[in-house]
Amino acid sequence: MSAIQLTPAQRKEHRAAAHHLDPVVMIGGEGLTPAVTKEIDAALKAHGLIKIRVFSDDRIQREAFLTELADQLGAAPIQHIGKLLVLWRPIPAKAVADESTSRHPGPRVVKILKFSKSGSQRAQVKKLTVLGNQRLTAGGIVKRTKKRLLSVKKRSQTD
């Protein structure tokens, strides 16, 4: 029995999502080798829902491949239609670093509230793109960072 049990409604949703997919792994004449299993595991980690093409005319063997893969990889068998097998496994969540310590390079979009001078109108929300070499002041102005000045001693060492 596979590790993941799905309701018929969930299985139906995954079948519908897999309809437009192309096979990402193909099982040839050698059968289910460790290398093929490793590739299927990598594809499940990357995509979650995959199609596998089996080049075998034996239906019983294809069904055995489907159940064996589901058991080995902890995936749910979604569909076996013709020579195509469909497997699903949830994509593992990536480890997220703490927001205060992580640095995000490149441009970012910042929302700024601009209040009216009279105070009678609502504040306007403006979206500004702040580049990596820019900073946002307390007044909502985007300023470019200044170039670092080197001391005379360090300048003479780099020349």
Protein backbone atom coordinates (compact mmCIF):
# COMPACT_ATOMS: atom_id res chain seq x y z
CA MET A 1 0.00 0.00 0.00
CA SER A 2 1.33 3.47 -0.88
CA ALA A 3 2.19 6.01 1.79
CA ILE A 4 -0.28 8.67 0.59
CA GLN A 5 -3.99 7.90 0.42
CA LEU A 6 -6.15 10.23 -1.68
CA THR A 7 -9.88 10.62 -1.92
CA PRO A 8 -11.48 10.08 -5.33
CA ALA A 9 -12.07 13.84 -5.63
CA GLN A 10 -8.39 14.61 -4.97
CA ARG A 11 -7.33 11.93 -7.44
CA LYS A 12 -9.67 13.47 -10.02
CA GLU A 13 -8.09 16.93 -9.53
CA HIS A 14 -4.60 15.51 -10.01
CA ARG A 15 -5.69 13.58 -13.11
CA ALA A 16 -7.05 16.80 -14.58
CA ALA A 17 -3.84 18.67 -13.77
CA ALA A 18 -1.72 15.89 -15.30
CA HIS A 19 -3.67 15.85 -18.56
CA HIS A 20 -1.49 18.50 -20.22
CA LEU A 21 1.83 17.21 -18.85
CA ASP A 22 4.43 15.44 -20.93
CA PRO A 23 6.28 12.38 -19.60
CA VAL A 24 9.45 13.42 -17.76
CA VAL A 25 10.88 9.94 -17.13
CA MET A 26 10.82 6.90 -19.38
CA ILE A 27 11.25 3.30 -18.28
CA GLY A 28 12.91 1.27 -21.00
CA GLY A 29 13.69 -2.38 -21.60
CA GLU A 30 15.88 -2.66 -18.49
CA GLY A 31 12.84 -2.10 -16.30
CA LEU A 32 12.82 -0.28 -13.01
CA THR A 33 16.52 0.23 -12.26
CA PRO A 34 17.89 2.21 -9.30
CA ALA A 35 18.94 5.00 -11.69
CA VAL A 36 15.39 5.31 -13.04
CA THR A 37 13.98 5.32 -9.51
CA LYS A 38 16.43 8.08 -8.56
CA GLU A 39 15.36 10.19 -11.55
CA ILE A 40 11.68 9.70 -10.71
CA ASP A 41 12.39 10.77 -7.12
CA ALA A 42 14.19 13.91 -8.35
CA ALA A 43 11.31 14.72 -10.71
CA LEU A 44 8.78 14.31 -7.89
CA LYS A 45 10.82 16.66 -5.68
CA ALA A 46 10.93 19.25 -8.44
CA HIS A 47 7.42 18.98 -9.91
CA GLY A 48 5.20 17.06 -7.50
CA LEU A 49 2.99 15.64 -10.27
CA ILE A 50 4.70 13.71 -13.05
CA LYS A 51 3.98 11.39 -15.95
CA ILE A 52 6.13 8.35 -16.64
CA ARG A 53 6.17 6.48 -19.95
CA VAL A 54 6.80 2.72 -19.82
CA PHE A 55 8.06 0.99 -22.96
CA SER A 56 6.56 -2.38 -22.16
CA ASP A 57 3.57 -4.19 -23.61
CA ASP A 58 2.86 -6.13 -20.39
CA ARG A 59 0.01 -4.41 -18.54
CA ILE A 60 0.56 -6.39 -15.34
CA GLN A 61 4.21 -5.34 -15.27
CA ARG A 62 3.23 -1.66 -15.71
CA GLU A 63 0.77 -1.94 -12.81
CA ALA A 64 3.53 -3.50 -10.71
CA PHE A 65 5.85 -0.61 -11.62
CA LEU A 66 3.19 1.88 -10.50
CA THR A 67 2.61 0.26 -7.11
CA GLU A 68 6.33 -0.35 -6.54
CA LEU A 69 7.20 3.27 -7.30
CA ALA A 70 4.41 4.54 -5.07
CA ASP A 71 5.65 2.37 -2.19
CA GLN A 72 9.36 3.14 -2.63
CA LEU A 73 9.02 6.90 -3.10
CA GLY A 74 6.11 7.61 -0.76
CA ALA A 75 3.94 8.88 -3.59
CA ALA A 76 0.31 8.45 -4.51
CA PRO A 77 -0.57 6.56 -7.70
CA ILE A 78 -2.93 8.80 -9.65
CA GLN A 79 -3.52 7.06 -12.96
CA HIS A 80 -2.41 4.22 -15.21
CA ILE A 81 -3.66 4.75 -18.71
CA GLY A 82 -2.07 2.88 -21.58
CA LYS A 83 1.70 3.10 -21.24
CA LEU A 84 1.57 6.22 -19.07
CA LEU A 85 1.80 6.25 -15.29
CA VAL A 86 0.96 9.33 -13.22
CA LEU A 87 2.42 9.81 -9.73
CA TRP A 88 1.93 12.61 -7.23
CA ARG A 89 3.79 13.58 -4.09
CA PRO A 90 3.61 16.95 -2.34
CA ILE A 91 6.62 19.14 -3.02
CA PRO A 92 8.68 19.51 0.17
CA ALA A 93 8.72 23.00 1.65
CA LYS A 94 11.99 24.82 1.22
CA ALA A 95 13.78 25.98 4.34
CA VAL A 96 13.07 29.68 4.73
CA ALA A 97 15.73 31.82 6.36
CA ASP A 98 14.82 34.43 8.95
CA GLU A 99 13.60 37.60 7.18
CA SER A 100 15.69 39.91 9.36
CA THR A 101 18.97 38.14 8.59
CA SER A 102 18.45 37.25 4.94
CA ARG A 103 19.39 39.73 2.26
CA HIS A 104 17.50 39.91 -0.98
CA PRO A 105 19.57 41.36 -3.83
CA GLY A 106 18.09 43.11 -6.79
CA PRO A 107 15.13 45.40 -7.27
CA ARG A 108 12.17 45.25 -4.92
CA VAL A 109 8.77 46.94 -4.95
CA VAL A 110 7.95 49.06 -1.89
CA LYS A 111 4.54 50.55 -1.05
CA ILE A 112 4.54 54.09 0.30
CA LEU A 113 1.64 56.07 1.81
CA LYS A 114 1.56 59.70 0.64
CA PHE A 115 -0.71 61.86 2.80
CA SER A 116 -2.34 65.01 1.45
CA LYS A 117 -1.14 68.32 2.82
CA SER A 118 -4.62 69.47 3.75
CA GLY A 119 -5.51 66.20 5.46
CA SER A 120 -8.97 66.12 3.90
CA GLN A 121 -8.23 63.46 1.31
CA ARG A 122 -7.33 59.85 1.75
CA ALA A 123 -3.72 58.82 1.69
CA GLN A 124 -2.47 57.59 -1.67
CA VAL A 125 -0.63 54.30 -1.96
CA LYS A 126 2.32 54.51 -4.33
CA LYS A 127 4.46 51.62 -5.44
CA LEU A 128 8.13 52.38 -5.98
CA THR A 129 10.85 50.14 -7.32
CA VAL A 130 13.95 50.34 -5.17
CA LEU A 131 17.12 49.02 -6.77
CA GLY A 132 19.95 47.29 -4.93
CA ASN A 133 22.06 50.44 -4.70
CA GLN A 134 19.18 52.59 -3.43
CA ARG A 135 17.54 53.16 -0.08
CA LEU A 136 14.25 54.59 1.11
CA THR A 137 14.31 57.53 3.52
CA ALA A 138 11.80 58.15 6.30
CA GLY A 139 10.10 60.80 4.15
CA GLY A 140 9.46 58.31 1.35
CA ILE A 141 12.23 59.54 -0.93
CA VAL A 142 14.43 57.07 -2.81
CA LYS A 143 18.12 57.94 -2.51
CA ARG A 144 21.08 56.33 -4.14
CA THR A 145 23.70 55.09 -1.74
CA LYS A 146 26.96 56.97 -1.67
CA LYS A 147 30.16 55.43 -2.90
CA ARG A 148 32.40 54.30 -0.07
CA LEU A 149 35.40 56.48 0.49
CA LEU A 150 38.74 54.79 0.92
CA SER A 151 41.39 56.17 3.18
CA VAL A 152 44.58 57.50 1.65
CA LYS A 153 46.45 54.50 3.02
CA LYS A 154 44.09 51.94 1.43
CA ARG A 155 44.02 53.85 -1.86
CA SER A 156 47.79 53.66 -2.08
CA GLN A 157 47.72 49.90 -1.40
CA THR A 158 45.22 49.17 -4.21
CA ASP A 159 47.09 51.24 -6.83
